[in-house]
Amino acid sequence: MVMVDIEKILVISSSHVKIKTMDTNRNKIDHELQKRESYLRHRRQRFWQIWVPLIIITLVILGAAALMIMTLTGTNTGISLSQYGDTALIWIFVPLLLIAVVIAVALAGVIILNGKVLRNLPRYAHPVQKVFSQVSGKVGNLAQKVVKPIISIKSIGAGVSKAFSSISGLFKK
């Protein structure tokens, strides 16, 4: 079995690696960016639109957590656990109620539009019904004309067959 010394391999392989660095003057680029009006506006917006709401929400969550911990440990906060439960239930039902209101408004809109369409439907449906009645009559006449020769040939064939069977039945007796 061949024994390989891993430390020698790592030392040999690490001594042959060259890292090329890129010559950039990062400080000069950063300094030029910081002078621009758009960058300054971005920094202000970042503070007021990202950091301030994030800090406020974090403080509210931490305050609510502290209030819950104080209530659970028995500290007199003036709020009972049932009030927390009721508040949580309200916050669970509010989105569901909003969705229900949106669905109810959409349903009312569909009902109103359906009523308007049904009110105007007879005015437009009568001419359409006339056209389809005419088309139906013409298709029926055409079908009768196509089928009439076939029916008459089969009818004559059935009559002849019945006549021969009647005649042949007389002779068999």
Protein backbone atom coordinates (compact mmCIF):
# COMPACT_ATOMS: atom_id res chain seq x y z
CA MET A 1 0.00 0.00 0.00
CA VAL A 2 1.33 3.41 -0.94
CA MET A 3 1.32 5.97 1.85
CA VAL A 4 0.81 9.53 0.72
CA ASP A 5 1.70 12.40 2.97
CA ILE A 6 -1.18 14.84 2.63
CA GLU A 7 0.68 17.68 4.31
CA LYS A 8 3.43 17.56 1.64
CA ILE A 9 0.81 17.63 -1.14
CA LEU A 10 -0.94 20.63 0.40
CA VAL A 11 2.34 22.50 0.86
CA ILE A 12 3.46 21.74 -2.71
CA SER A 13 0.09 22.65 -4.25
CA SER A 14 -0.25 25.85 -2.24
CA SER A 15 3.23 27.04 -3.17
CA HIS A 16 2.40 26.91 -6.89
CA VAL A 17 -0.75 29.04 -6.77
CA LYS A 18 -0.56 32.59 -8.03
CA ILE A 19 -3.31 35.05 -7.28
CA LYS A 20 -3.57 37.99 -9.58
CA THR A 21 -5.08 41.04 -7.99
CA MET A 22 -6.90 43.68 -9.86
CA ASP A 23 -5.59 47.18 -9.56
CA THR A 24 -8.55 49.37 -8.74
CA ASN A 25 -8.76 52.55 -6.89
CA ARG A 26 -11.92 51.78 -4.92
CA ASN A 27 -11.75 54.81 -2.65
CA LYS A 28 -11.71 57.19 -5.60
CA ILE A 29 -14.82 55.55 -7.12
CA ASP A 30 -16.67 55.57 -3.79
CA HIS A 31 -15.85 59.22 -3.22
CA GLU A 32 -17.17 60.19 -6.69
CA LEU A 33 -20.40 58.23 -6.12
CA GLN A 34 -21.02 59.88 -2.77
CA LYS A 35 -20.99 63.34 -4.35
CA ARG A 36 -23.86 62.64 -6.76
CA GLU A 37 -27.35 63.92 -5.98
CA SER A 38 -28.96 60.59 -6.87
CA TYR A 39 -26.75 58.77 -4.37
CA LEU A 40 -27.59 61.29 -1.63
CA ARG A 41 -31.31 60.97 -2.42
CA HIS A 42 -30.94 57.18 -2.33
CA ARG A 43 -29.33 57.36 1.11
CA ARG A 44 -32.16 59.54 2.47
CA GLN A 45 -34.82 57.29 0.98
CA ARG A 46 -33.08 54.21 2.29
CA PHE A 47 -33.14 55.63 5.80
CA TRP A 48 -36.77 56.82 5.77
CA GLN A 49 -38.31 54.03 3.67
CA ILE A 50 -36.37 51.04 4.98
CA TRP A 51 -34.66 51.66 8.30
CA VAL A 52 -37.29 53.78 10.10
CA PRO A 53 -40.22 51.39 9.40
CA LEU A 54 -38.02 48.42 10.25
CA ILE A 55 -37.00 49.96 13.59
CA ILE A 56 -40.60 50.93 14.44
CA ILE A 57 -41.98 47.48 13.64
CA THR A 58 -39.16 45.83 15.60
CA LEU A 59 -39.91 48.04 18.62
CA VAL A 60 -43.64 47.26 18.40
CA ILE A 61 -42.97 43.52 18.22
CA LEU A 62 -40.50 43.67 21.11
CA GLY A 63 -42.99 45.72 23.16
CA ALA A 64 -45.79 43.24 22.47
CA ALA A 65 -43.50 40.35 23.39
CA ALA A 66 -42.47 42.09 26.62
CA LEU A 67 -46.11 42.78 27.47
CA MET A 68 -47.02 39.14 26.87
CA ILE A 69 -44.11 37.90 28.96
CA MET A 70 -45.06 40.24 31.77
CA THR A 71 -48.67 39.05 31.65
CA LEU A 72 -47.66 35.38 31.61
CA THR A 73 -45.28 35.79 34.53
CA GLY A 74 -47.97 37.40 36.64
CA THR A 75 -46.92 41.03 36.52
CA ASN A 76 -49.94 43.32 36.72
CA THR A 77 -50.24 44.89 33.26
CA GLY A 78 -53.97 45.51 33.35
CA ILE A 79 -54.55 43.12 30.44
CA SER A 80 -55.79 39.55 30.89
CA LEU A 81 -54.95 36.60 28.69
CA SER A 82 -58.51 36.46 27.40
CA GLN A 83 -58.05 39.97 25.98
CA TYR A 84 -54.97 38.76 24.11
CA GLY A 85 -56.99 35.83 22.79
CA ASP A 86 -59.82 38.10 21.70
CA THR A 87 -57.39 40.45 19.98
CA ALA A 88 -55.71 37.55 18.18
CA LEU A 89 -59.10 36.26 17.07
CA ILE A 90 -59.99 39.66 15.65
CA TRP A 91 -56.73 39.80 13.71
CA ILE A 92 -57.44 36.34 12.34
CA PHE A 93 -60.96 37.29 11.22
CA VAL A 94 -60.18 40.71 9.69
CA PRO A 95 -58.43 39.37 6.54
CA LEU A 96 -61.13 36.74 6.10
CA LEU A 97 -63.83 39.39 6.35
CA LEU A 98 -62.04 41.60 3.84
CA ILE A 99 -61.85 38.69 1.40
CA ALA A 100 -65.55 37.96 2.00
CA VAL A 101 -66.43 41.62 1.25
CA VAL A 102 -64.44 41.53 -1.99
CA ILE A 103 -66.19 38.31 -3.03
CA ALA A 104 -69.61 39.77 -2.12
CA VAL A 105 -68.95 42.92 -4.18
CA ALA A 106 -67.80 40.81 -7.14
CA LEU A 107 -70.90 38.62 -6.82
CA ALA A 108 -73.16 41.68 -6.68
CA GLY A 109 -71.49 43.01 -9.82
CA VAL A 110 -72.03 39.72 -11.63
CA ILE A 111 -75.70 39.67 -10.56
CA ILE A 112 -76.28 43.25 -11.74
CA LEU A 113 -74.57 42.61 -15.09
CA ASN A 114 -76.53 39.38 -15.51
CA GLY A 115 -79.78 41.29 -14.92
CA LYS A 116 -78.86 43.91 -17.53
CA VAL A 117 -77.94 41.22 -20.05
CA LEU A 118 -81.18 39.31 -19.42
CA ARG A 119 -83.21 42.51 -19.76
CA ASN A 120 -81.73 43.20 -23.22
CA LEU A 121 -81.50 39.58 -24.34
CA PRO A 122 -85.00 39.18 -25.89
CA ARG A 123 -84.41 42.18 -28.16
CA TYR A 124 -81.31 40.55 -29.65
CA ALA A 125 -82.32 36.91 -29.30
CA HIS A 126 -85.45 37.07 -31.47
CA PRO A 127 -83.64 37.84 -34.77
CA VAL A 128 -81.03 35.20 -33.95
CA GLN A 129 -83.80 32.70 -33.24
CA LYS A 130 -85.43 33.49 -36.61
CA VAL A 131 -82.17 32.88 -38.45
CA PHE A 132 -81.57 29.57 -36.70
CA SER A 133 -85.16 28.51 -37.34
CA GLN A 134 -84.68 29.19 -41.08
CA VAL A 135 -81.37 27.32 -41.07
CA SER A 136 -83.00 24.42 -39.24
CA GLY A 137 -85.82 24.25 -41.79
CA LYS A 138 -83.41 24.29 -44.74
CA VAL A 139 -81.18 21.63 -43.17
CA GLY A 140 -84.26 19.46 -42.49
CA ASN A 141 -85.46 19.81 -46.11
CA LEU A 142 -81.99 18.99 -47.42
CA ALA A 143 -81.79 15.92 -45.17
CA GLN A 144 -85.21 14.73 -46.41
CA LYS A 145 -84.10 15.12 -50.03
CA VAL A 146 -80.90 13.16 -49.41
CA VAL A 147 -82.59 10.35 -47.50
CA LYS A 148 -85.78 10.01 -49.63
CA PRO A 149 -84.24 7.85 -52.43
CA ILE A 150 -82.57 5.54 -49.92
CA ILE A 151 -85.79 5.09 -47.95
CA SER A 152 -87.85 4.43 -51.08
CA ILE A 153 -85.34 1.81 -52.35
CA LYS A 154 -85.30 0.05 -48.96
CA SER A 155 -89.08 0.26 -48.80
CA ILE A 156 -89.51 -1.31 -52.25
CA GLY A 157 -86.95 -3.99 -51.30
CA ALA A 158 -88.80 -4.77 -48.08
CA GLY A 159 -92.13 -5.00 -49.97
CA VAL A 160 -90.69 -7.35 -52.59
CA SER A 161 -89.11 -9.48 -49.90
CA LYS A 162 -92.39 -9.70 -47.99
CA ALA A 163 -94.25 -10.57 -51.18
CA PHE A 164 -91.83 -13.42 -52.00
CA SER A 165 -91.95 -14.70 -48.46
CA SER A 166 -95.77 -14.67 -48.57
CA ILE A 167 -95.81 -16.47 -51.90
CA SER A 168 -93.25 -19.03 -50.77
CA GLY A 169 -95.26 -19.60 -47.59
CA LEU A 170 -98.33 -20.55 -49.63
CA PHE A 171 -96.42 -23.24 -51.50
CA LYS A 172 -94.91 -24.81 -48.39
CA LYS A 173 -98.30 -25.80 -46.96
